Amino acid sequence: MNYQELREKYKQSVLKFAKGWKAELTDHQVDTMISVMLHRDKIQMGGSFVEAIANNDLYGAISRADVENFQNLKLVTLCFKNNHIHPIPKLDM
């Protein structure tokens, strides 16, 4: 699977997850949630905010979040813990 196909698979999973929470997301919030899932699945490393979410570091996540991610912190964290794609897709190199 190429990167665009993989990213689209994760995007659709994020949008379905958000719909279940009746959340309307900006493109930036969708990108962040994709990033936390890719980081968790060891496909692509995320930035400092994503690492804080992955490390269950509340202070780090709050202090590194931009305005949109701060407002969406609960859903980003729930996505990291509960939104999984099975089997984890493999990225073609």
PDB file of N, CA and C in Angstrom:
ATOM      1  N   MET A   1       0.852  -1.169   0.000  1.00  0.00           N
ATOM      2  CA  MET A   1       0.000   0.000   0.000  1.00  0.00           C
ATOM      3  C   MET A   1       0.899   1.235   0.000  1.00  0.00           C
ATOM      4  N   ASN A   2       0.620   2.183  -0.877  1.00  0.00           N
ATOM      5  CA  ASN A   2       1.430   3.400  -0.883  1.00  0.00           C
ATOM      6  C   ASN A   2       0.955   4.359   0.205  1.00  0.00           C
ATOM      7  N   TYR A   3       1.721   5.422   0.418  1.00  0.00           N
ATOM      8  CA  TYR A   3       1.444   6.334   1.526  1.00  0.00           C
ATOM      9  C   TYR A   3       0.077   7.001   1.391  1.00  0.00           C
ATOM     10  N   GLN A   4      -0.294   7.423   0.191  1.00  0.00           N
ATOM     11  CA  GLN A   4      -1.591   8.090   0.002  1.00  0.00           C
ATOM     12  C   GLN A   4      -2.747   7.144   0.319  1.00  0.00           C
ATOM     13  N   GLU A   5      -2.648   5.910  -0.107  1.00  0.00           N
ATOM     14  CA  GLU A   5      -3.692   4.919   0.177  1.00  0.00           C
ATOM     15  C   GLU A   5      -3.773   4.637   1.678  1.00  0.00           C
ATOM     16  N   LEU A   6      -2.625   4.510   2.310  1.00  0.00           N
ATOM     17  CA  LEU A   6      -2.575   4.263   3.743  1.00  0.00           C
ATOM     18  C   LEU A   6      -3.190   5.428   4.511  1.00  0.00           C
ATOM     19  N   ARG A   7      -2.814   6.625   4.139  1.00  0.00           N
ATOM     20  CA  ARG A   7      -3.339   7.822   4.808  1.00  0.00           C
ATOM     21  C   ARG A   7      -4.860   7.933   4.627  1.00  0.00           C
ATOM     22  N   GLU A   8      -5.336   7.611   3.447  1.00  0.00           N
ATOM     23  CA  GLU A   8      -6.782   7.659   3.185  1.00  0.00           C
ATOM     24  C   GLU A   8      -7.522   6.638   4.046  1.00  0.00           C
ATOM     25  N   LYS A   9      -6.938   5.464   4.219  1.00  0.00           N
ATOM     26  CA  LYS A   9      -7.542   4.430   5.072  1.00  0.00           C
ATOM     27  C   LYS A   9      -7.666   4.940   6.516  1.00  0.00           C
ATOM     28  N   TYR A  10      -6.617   5.572   7.003  1.00  0.00           N
ATOM     29  CA  TYR A  10      -6.646   6.133   8.356  1.00  0.00           C
ATOM     30  C   TYR A  10      -7.626   7.307   8.437  1.00  0.00           C
ATOM     31  N   LYS A  11      -7.664   8.125   7.414  1.00  0.00           N
ATOM     32  CA  LYS A  11      -8.586   9.273   7.404  1.00  0.00           C
ATOM     33  C   LYS A  11     -10.031   8.803   7.509  1.00  0.00           C
ATOM     34  N   GLN A  12     -10.394   7.793   6.723  1.00  0.00           N
ATOM     35  CA  GLN A  12     -11.757   7.288   6.775  1.00  0.00           C
ATOM     36  C   GLN A  12     -12.083   6.722   8.159  1.00  0.00           C
ATOM     37  N   SER A  13     -11.119   6.087   8.792  1.00  0.00           N
ATOM     38  CA  SER A  13     -11.310   5.566  10.139  1.00  0.00           C
ATOM     39  C   SER A  13     -11.524   6.704  11.138  1.00  0.00           C
ATOM     40  N   VAL A  14     -10.744   7.772  11.005  1.00  0.00           N
ATOM     41  CA  VAL A  14     -10.882   8.942  11.883  1.00  0.00           C
ATOM     42  C   VAL A  14     -12.253   9.580  11.703  1.00  0.00           C
ATOM     43  N   LEU A  15     -12.689   9.763  10.468  1.00  0.00           N
ATOM     44  CA  LEU A  15     -13.981  10.401  10.208  1.00  0.00           C
ATOM     45  C   LEU A  15     -15.135   9.575  10.758  1.00  0.00           C
ATOM     46  N   LYS A  16     -15.040   8.251  10.633  1.00  0.00           N
ATOM     47  CA  LYS A  16     -16.065   7.362  11.189  1.00  0.00           C
ATOM     48  C   LYS A  16     -16.071   7.441  12.718  1.00  0.00           C
ATOM     49  N   PHE A  17     -14.882   7.457  13.306  1.00  0.00           N
ATOM     50  CA  PHE A  17     -14.755   7.557  14.762  1.00  0.00           C
ATOM     51  C   PHE A  17     -15.364   8.873  15.257  1.00  0.00           C
ATOM     52  N   ALA A  18     -15.037   9.971  14.592  1.00  0.00           N
ATOM     53  CA  ALA A  18     -15.551  11.286  14.990  1.00  0.00           C
ATOM     54  C   ALA A  18     -17.072  11.345  14.846  1.00  0.00           C
ATOM     55  N   LYS A  19     -17.587  10.744  13.803  1.00  0.00           N
ATOM     56  CA  LYS A  19     -19.037  10.729  13.589  1.00  0.00           C
ATOM     57  C   LYS A  19     -19.736  10.019  14.745  1.00  0.00           C
ATOM     58  N   GLY A  20     -19.118   8.956  15.240  1.00  0.00           N
ATOM     59  CA  GLY A  20     -19.674   8.240  16.385  1.00  0.00           C
ATOM     60  C   GLY A  20     -19.746   9.102  17.638  1.00  0.00           C
ATOM     61  N   TRP A  21     -18.897  10.110  17.703  1.00  0.00           N
ATOM     62  CA  TRP A  21     -18.883  11.045  18.832  1.00  0.00           C
ATOM     63  C   TRP A  21     -19.631  12.335  18.491  1.00  0.00           C
ATOM     64  N   LYS A  22     -20.250  12.364  17.296  1.00  0.00           N
ATOM     65  CA  LYS A  22     -20.973  13.545  16.823  1.00  0.00           C
ATOM     66  C   LYS A  22     -20.082  14.784  16.811  1.00  0.00           C
ATOM     67  N   ALA A  23     -18.824  14.574  16.419  1.00  0.00           N
ATOM     68  CA  ALA A  23     -17.836  15.654  16.384  1.00  0.00           C
ATOM     69  C   ALA A  23     -17.603  16.102  14.945  1.00  0.00           C
ATOM     70  N   GLU A  24     -17.564  17.394  14.755  1.00  0.00           N
ATOM     71  CA  GLU A  24     -17.197  17.960  13.463  1.00  0.00           C
ATOM     72  C   GLU A  24     -15.757  18.426  13.573  1.00  0.00           C
ATOM     73  N   LEU A  25     -14.907  17.914  12.694  1.00  0.00           N
ATOM     74  CA  LEU A  25     -13.479  18.176  12.781  1.00  0.00           C
ATOM     75  C   LEU A  25     -13.000  19.065  11.645  1.00  0.00           C
ATOM     76  N   THR A  26     -12.002  19.879  11.944  1.00  0.00           N
ATOM     77  CA  THR A  26     -11.322  20.624  10.895  1.00  0.00           C
ATOM     78  C   THR A  26     -10.314  19.688  10.226  1.00  0.00           C
ATOM     79  N   ASP A  27      -9.802  20.099   9.082  1.00  0.00           N
ATOM     80  CA  ASP A  27      -8.773  19.298   8.408  1.00  0.00           C
ATOM     81  C   ASP A  27      -7.560  19.103   9.320  1.00  0.00           C
ATOM     82  N   HIS A  28      -7.206  20.142  10.060  1.00  0.00           N
ATOM     83  CA  HIS A  28      -6.057  20.062  10.979  1.00  0.00           C
ATOM     84  C   HIS A  28      -6.298  19.022  12.068  1.00  0.00           C
ATOM     85  N   GLN A  29      -7.498  18.982  12.614  1.00  0.00           N
ATOM     86  CA  GLN A  29      -7.812  18.006  13.658  1.00  0.00           C
ATOM     87  C   GLN A  29      -7.795  16.582  13.097  1.00  0.00           C
ATOM     88  N   VAL A  30      -8.301  16.417  11.884  1.00  0.00           N
ATOM     89  CA  VAL A  30      -8.252  15.099  11.233  1.00  0.00           C
ATOM     90  C   VAL A  30      -6.797  14.679  11.048  1.00  0.00           C
ATOM     91  N   ASP A  31      -5.961  15.596  10.555  1.00  0.00           N
ATOM     92  CA  ASP A  31      -4.539  15.298  10.358  1.00  0.00           C
ATOM     93  C   ASP A  31      -3.866  14.889  11.658  1.00  0.00           C
ATOM     94  N   THR A  32      -4.205  15.566  12.745  1.00  0.00           N
ATOM     95  CA  THR A  32      -3.619  15.236  14.051  1.00  0.00           C
ATOM     96  C   THR A  32      -4.034  13.840  14.496  1.00  0.00           C
ATOM     97  N   MET A  33      -5.293  13.513  14.317  1.00  0.00           N
ATOM     98  CA  MET A  33      -5.775  12.200  14.732  1.00  0.00           C
ATOM     99  C   MET A  33      -5.172  11.095  13.867  1.00  0.00           C
ATOM    100  N   ILE A  34      -4.978  11.364  12.587  1.00  0.00           N
ATOM    101  CA  ILE A  34      -4.271  10.411  11.725  1.00  0.00           C
ATOM    102  C   ILE A  34      -2.849  10.223  12.250  1.00  0.00           C
ATOM    103  N   SER A  35      -2.207  11.320  12.605  1.00  0.00           N
ATOM    104  CA  SER A  35      -0.830  11.280  13.087  1.00  0.00           C
ATOM    105  C   SER A  35      -0.696  10.446  14.364  1.00  0.00           C
ATOM    106  N   VAL A  36      -1.640  10.593  15.309  1.00  0.00           N
ATOM    107  CA  VAL A  36      -1.529   9.812  16.551  1.00  0.00           C
ATOM    108  C   VAL A  36      -1.706   8.320  16.273  1.00  0.00           C
ATOM    109  N   MET A  37      -2.564   7.989  15.314  1.00  0.00           N
ATOM    110  CA  MET A  37      -2.752   6.582  14.971  1.00  0.00           C
ATOM    111  C   MET A  37      -1.527   6.014  14.255  1.00  0.00           C
ATOM    112  N   LEU A  38      -0.963   6.775  13.319  1.00  0.00           N
ATOM    113  CA  LEU A  38       0.243   6.317  12.619  1.00  0.00           C
ATOM    114  C   LEU A  38       1.406   6.147  13.588  1.00  0.00           C
ATOM    115  N   HIS A  39       1.502   7.052  14.564  1.00  0.00           N
ATOM    116  CA  HIS A  39       2.551   6.961  15.586  1.00  0.00           C
ATOM    117  C   HIS A  39       2.345   5.699  16.427  1.00  0.00           C
ATOM    118  N   ARG A  40       1.129   5.502  16.884  1.00  0.00           N
ATOM    119  CA  ARG A  40       0.815   4.330  17.715  1.00  0.00           C
ATOM    120  C   ARG A  40       1.101   3.024  16.978  1.00  0.00           C
ATOM    121  N   ASP A  41       0.810   3.003  15.679  1.00  0.00           N
ATOM    122  CA  ASP A  41       0.991   1.791  14.883  1.00  0.00           C
ATOM    123  C   ASP A  41       2.409   1.649  14.332  1.00  0.00           C
ATOM    124  N   LYS A  42       3.293   2.543  14.763  1.00  0.00           N
ATOM    125  CA  LYS A  42       4.714   2.497  14.399  1.00  0.00           C
ATOM    126  C   LYS A  42       4.950   2.591  12.891  1.00  0.00           C
ATOM    127  N   ILE A  43       4.126   3.415  12.237  1.00  0.00           N
ATOM    128  CA  ILE A  43       4.261   3.643  10.810  1.00  0.00           C
ATOM    129  C   ILE A  43       5.001   4.945  10.545  1.00  0.00           C
ATOM    130  N   GLN A  44       4.693   5.969  11.337  1.00  0.00           N
ATOM    131  CA  GLN A  44       5.324   7.278  11.166  1.00  0.00           C
ATOM    132  C   GLN A  44       5.360   7.983  12.519  1.00  0.00           C
ATOM    133  N   MET A  45       6.499   8.492  12.875  1.00  0.00           N
ATOM    134  CA  MET A  45       6.629   9.184  14.147  1.00  0.00           C
ATOM    135  C   MET A  45       5.936  10.544  14.091  1.00  0.00           C
ATOM    136  N   GLY A  46       5.301  10.908  15.175  1.00  0.00           N
ATOM    137  CA  GLY A  46       4.615  12.193  15.271  1.00  0.00           C
ATOM    138  C   GLY A  46       5.489  13.233  15.939  1.00  0.00           C
ATOM    139  N   GLY A  47       4.963  14.438  16.034  1.00  0.00           N
ATOM    140  CA  GLY A  47       5.662  15.535  16.687  1.00  0.00           C
ATOM    141  C   GLY A  47       5.519  15.476  18.199  1.00  0.00           C
ATOM    142  N   SER A  48       5.912  16.554  18.869  1.00  0.00           N
ATOM    143  CA  SER A  48       5.941  16.562  20.335  1.00  0.00           C
ATOM    144  C   SER A  48       4.547  16.433  20.954  1.00  0.00           C
ATOM    145  N   PHE A  49       3.525  17.017  20.335  1.00  0.00           N
ATOM    146  CA  PHE A  49       2.158  16.869  20.847  1.00  0.00           C
ATOM    147  C   PHE A  49       1.730  15.403  20.751  1.00  0.00           C
ATOM    148  N   VAL A  50       1.964  14.794  19.605  1.00  0.00           N
ATOM    149  CA  VAL A  50       1.601  13.389  19.392  1.00  0.00           C
ATOM    150  C   VAL A  50       2.363  12.490  20.363  1.00  0.00           C
ATOM    151  N   GLU A  51       3.627  12.747  20.576  1.00  0.00           N
ATOM    152  CA  GLU A  51       4.412  11.950  21.526  1.00  0.00           C
ATOM    153  C   GLU A  51       3.855  12.081  22.939  1.00  0.00           C
ATOM    154  N   ALA A  52       3.419  13.284  23.309  1.00  0.00           N
ATOM    155  CA  ALA A  52       2.837  13.480  24.639  1.00  0.00           C
ATOM    156  C   ALA A  52       1.554  12.664  24.790  1.00  0.00           C
ATOM    157  N   ILE A  53       0.726  12.646  23.747  1.00  0.00           N
ATOM    158  CA  ILE A  53      -0.493  11.821  23.783  1.00  0.00           C
ATOM    159  C   ILE A  53      -0.097  10.349  23.943  1.00  0.00           C
ATOM    160  N   ALA A  54       0.863   9.899  23.146  1.00  0.00           N
ATOM    161  CA  ALA A  54       1.294   8.495  23.173  1.00  0.00           C
ATOM    162  C   ALA A  54       1.879   8.106  24.529  1.00  0.00           C
ATOM    163  N   ASN A  55       2.513   9.050  25.188  1.00  0.00           N
ATOM    164  CA  ASN A  55       3.136   8.778  26.489  1.00  0.00           C
ATOM    165  C   ASN A  55       2.197   9.028  27.663  1.00  0.00           C
ATOM    166  N   ASN A  56       0.926   9.305  27.361  1.00  0.00           N
ATOM    167  CA  ASN A  56      -0.057   9.587  28.408  1.00  0.00           C
ATOM    168  C   ASN A  56       0.403  10.739  29.311  1.00  0.00           C
ATOM    169  N   ASP A  57       0.995  11.752  28.689  1.00  0.00           N
ATOM    170  CA  ASP A  57       1.563  12.907  29.385  1.00  0.00           C
ATOM    171  C   ASP A  57       0.602  14.091  29.238  1.00  0.00           C
ATOM    172  N   LEU A  58      -0.311  14.223  30.183  1.00  0.00           N
ATOM    173  CA  LEU A  58      -1.323  15.272  30.109  1.00  0.00           C
ATOM    174  C   LEU A  58      -0.713  16.667  30.059  1.00  0.00           C
ATOM    175  N   TYR A  59       0.231  16.934  30.948  1.00  0.00           N
ATOM    176  CA  TYR A  59       0.866  18.259  30.960  1.00  0.00           C
ATOM    177  C   TYR A  59       1.556  18.530  29.623  1.00  0.00           C
ATOM    178  N   GLY A  60       2.301  17.560  29.116  1.00  0.00           N
ATOM    179  CA  GLY A  60       2.986  17.730  27.843  1.00  0.00           C
ATOM    180  C   GLY A  60       2.015  17.973  26.701  1.00  0.00           C
ATOM    181  N   ALA A  61       0.908  17.228  26.681  1.00  0.00           N
ATOM    182  CA  ALA A  61      -0.092  17.401  25.620  1.00  0.00           C
ATOM    183  C   ALA A  61      -0.728  18.786  25.695  1.00  0.00           C
ATOM    184  N   ILE A  62      -1.101  19.205  26.884  1.00  0.00           N
ATOM    185  CA  ILE A  62      -1.719  20.527  27.052  1.00  0.00           C
ATOM    186  C   ILE A  62      -0.747  21.630  26.668  1.00  0.00           C
ATOM    187  N   SER A  63       0.495  21.518  27.113  1.00  0.00           N
ATOM    188  CA  SER A  63       1.462  22.590  26.860  1.00  0.00           C
ATOM    189  C   SER A  63       1.930  22.631  25.402  1.00  0.00           C
ATOM    190  N   ARG A  64       1.774  21.554  24.659  1.00  0.00           N
ATOM    191  CA  ARG A  64       2.215  21.514  23.256  1.00  0.00           C
ATOM    192  C   ARG A  64       1.074  21.682  22.260  1.00  0.00           C
ATOM    193  N   ALA A  65      -0.163  21.595  22.745  1.00  0.00           N
ATOM    194  CA  ALA A  65      -1.324  21.666  21.856  1.00  0.00           C
ATOM    195  C   ALA A  65      -1.527  23.080  21.328  1.00  0.00           C
ATOM    196  N   ASP A  66      -1.872  23.167  20.041  1.00  0.00           N
ATOM    197  CA  ASP A  66      -2.329  24.450  19.516  1.00  0.00           C
ATOM    198  C   ASP A  66      -3.797  24.598  19.916  1.00  0.00           C
ATOM    199  N   VAL A  67      -4.422  25.689  19.546  1.00  0.00           N
ATOM    200  CA  VAL A  67      -5.793  25.972  19.991  1.00  0.00           C
ATOM    201  C   VAL A  67      -6.760  24.867  19.562  1.00  0.00           C
ATOM    202  N   GLU A  68      -6.689  24.446  18.307  1.00  0.00           N
ATOM    203  CA  GLU A  68      -7.621  23.427  17.820  1.00  0.00           C
ATOM    204  C   GLU A  68      -7.428  22.098  18.537  1.00  0.00           C
ATOM    205  N   ASN A  69      -6.190  21.677  18.726  1.00  0.00           N
ATOM    206  CA  ASN A  69      -5.940  20.405  19.389  1.00  0.00           C
ATOM    207  C   ASN A  69      -6.244  20.468  20.877  1.00  0.00           C
ATOM    208  N   PHE A  70      -6.055  21.620  21.480  1.00  0.00           N
ATOM    209  CA  PHE A  70      -6.421  21.787  22.895  1.00  0.00           C
ATOM    210  C   PHE A  70      -7.925  21.592  23.059  1.00  0.00           C
ATOM    211  N   GLN A  71      -8.694  22.189  22.160  1.00  0.00           N
ATOM    212  CA  GLN A  71     -10.157  22.069  22.228  1.00  0.00           C
ATOM    213  C   GLN A  71     -10.616  20.647  21.936  1.00  0.00           C
ATOM    214  N   ASN A  72      -9.800  19.866  21.272  1.00  0.00           N
ATOM    215  CA  ASN A  72     -10.149  18.526  20.823  1.00  0.00           C
ATOM    216  C   ASN A  72      -9.360  17.433  21.554  1.00  0.00           C
ATOM    217  N   LEU A  73      -8.741  17.785  22.673  1.00  0.00           N
ATOM    218  CA  LEU A  73      -7.821  16.883  23.377  1.00  0.00           C
ATOM    219  C   LEU A  73      -8.474  15.549  23.765  1.00  0.00           C
ATOM    220  N   LYS A  74      -9.694  15.593  24.235  1.00  0.00           N
ATOM    221  CA  LYS A  74     -10.382  14.364  24.644  1.00  0.00           C
ATOM    222  C   LYS A  74     -10.540  13.421  23.457  1.00  0.00           C
ATOM    223  N   LEU A  75     -11.013  13.930  22.328  1.00  0.00           N
ATOM    224  CA  LEU A  75     -11.257  13.071  21.177  1.00  0.00           C
ATOM    225  C   LEU A  75      -9.952  12.533  20.586  1.00  0.00           C
ATOM    226  N   VAL A  76      -8.897  13.351  20.573  1.00  0.00           N
ATOM    227  CA  VAL A  76      -7.589  12.889  20.078  1.00  0.00           C
ATOM    228  C   VAL A  76      -7.097  11.728  20.940  1.00  0.00           C
ATOM    229  N   THR A  77      -7.230  11.868  22.240  1.00  0.00           N
ATOM    230  CA  THR A  77      -6.782  10.822  23.162  1.00  0.00           C
ATOM    231  C   THR A  77      -7.620   9.554  23.015  1.00  0.00           C
ATOM    232  N   LEU A  78      -8.930   9.716  22.901  1.00  0.00           N
ATOM    233  CA  LEU A  78      -9.798   8.553  22.699  1.00  0.00           C
ATOM    234  C   LEU A  78      -9.492   7.852  21.380  1.00  0.00           C
ATOM    235  N   CYS A  79      -9.196   8.636  20.356  1.00  0.00           N
ATOM    236  CA  CYS A  79      -8.829   8.068  19.056  1.00  0.00           C
ATOM    237  C   CYS A  79      -7.545   7.245  19.177  1.00  0.00           C
ATOM    238  N   PHE A  80      -6.572   7.779  19.885  1.00  0.00           N
ATOM    239  CA  PHE A  80      -5.304   7.066  20.078  1.00  0.00           C
ATOM    240  C   PHE A  80      -5.534   5.713  20.756  1.00  0.00           C
ATOM    241  N   LYS A  81      -6.372   5.701  21.776  1.00  0.00           N
ATOM    242  CA  LYS A  81      -6.574   4.477  22.566  1.00  0.00           C
ATOM    243  C   LYS A  81      -7.576   3.508  21.948  1.00  0.00           C
ATOM    244  N   ASN A  82      -8.575   4.016  21.224  1.00  0.00           N
ATOM    245  CA  ASN A  82      -9.710   3.173  20.856  1.00  0.00           C
ATOM    246  C   ASN A  82     -10.003   3.022  19.369  1.00  0.00           C
ATOM    247  N   ASN A  83      -9.345   3.775  18.512  1.00  0.00           N
ATOM    248  CA  ASN A  83      -9.642   3.699  17.087  1.00  0.00           C
ATOM    249  C   ASN A  83      -8.527   2.931  16.384  1.00  0.00           C
ATOM    250  N   HIS A  84      -8.809   1.681  16.041  1.00  0.00           N
ATOM    251  CA  HIS A  84      -7.785   0.814  15.451  1.00  0.00           C
ATOM    252  C   HIS A  84      -8.209   0.315  14.082  1.00  0.00           C
ATOM    253  N   ILE A  85      -7.234   0.099  13.239  1.00  0.00           N
ATOM    254  CA  ILE A  85      -7.436  -0.517  11.940  1.00  0.00           C
ATOM    255  C   ILE A  85      -6.811  -1.911  12.008  1.00  0.00           C
ATOM    256  N   HIS A  86      -7.616  -2.927  11.676  1.00  0.00           N
ATOM    257  CA  HIS A  86      -7.122  -4.312  11.717  1.00  0.00           C
ATOM    258  C   HIS A  86      -7.249  -4.940  10.345  1.00  0.00           C
ATOM    259  N   PRO A  87      -6.252  -5.589   9.855  1.00  0.00           N
ATOM    260  CA  PRO A  87      -4.881  -5.576  10.382  1.00  0.00           C
ATOM    261  C   PRO A  87      -4.220  -4.231  10.091  1.00  0.00           C
ATOM    262  N   ILE A  88      -3.162  -3.941  10.813  1.00  0.00           N
ATOM    263  CA  ILE A  88      -2.425  -2.692  10.576  1.00  0.00           C
ATOM    264  C   ILE A  88      -1.851  -2.744   9.172  1.00  0.00           C
ATOM    265  N   PRO A  89      -2.176  -1.737   8.338  1.00  0.00           N
ATOM    266  CA  PRO A  89      -1.671  -1.747   6.959  1.00  0.00           C
ATOM    267  C   PRO A  89      -0.156  -1.629   6.908  1.00  0.00           C
ATOM    268  N   LYS A  90       0.412  -2.210   5.887  1.00  0.00           N
ATOM    269  CA  LYS A  90       1.868  -2.125   5.665  1.00  0.00           C
ATOM    270  C   LYS A  90       2.140  -1.103   4.581  1.00  0.00           C
ATOM    271  N   LEU A  91       3.081  -0.241   4.840  1.00  0.00           N
ATOM    272  CA  LEU A  91       3.464   0.799   3.894  1.00  0.00           C
ATOM    273  C   LEU A  91       4.531   0.238   2.947  1.00  0.00           C
ATOM    274  N   ASP A  92       4.285   0.326   1.634  1.00  0.00           N
ATOM    275  CA  ASP A  92       5.273  -0.100   0.659  1.00  0.00           C
ATOM    276  C   ASP A  92       6.461   0.844   0.708  1.00  0.00           C
ATOM    277  N   MET A  93       7.649   0.288   0.675  1.00  0.00           N
ATOM    278  CA  MET A  93       8.852   1.114   0.683  1.00  0.00           C
ATOM    279  C   MET A  93       9.377   1.329  -0.700  1.00  0.00           C
TER     280      MET A  93
END
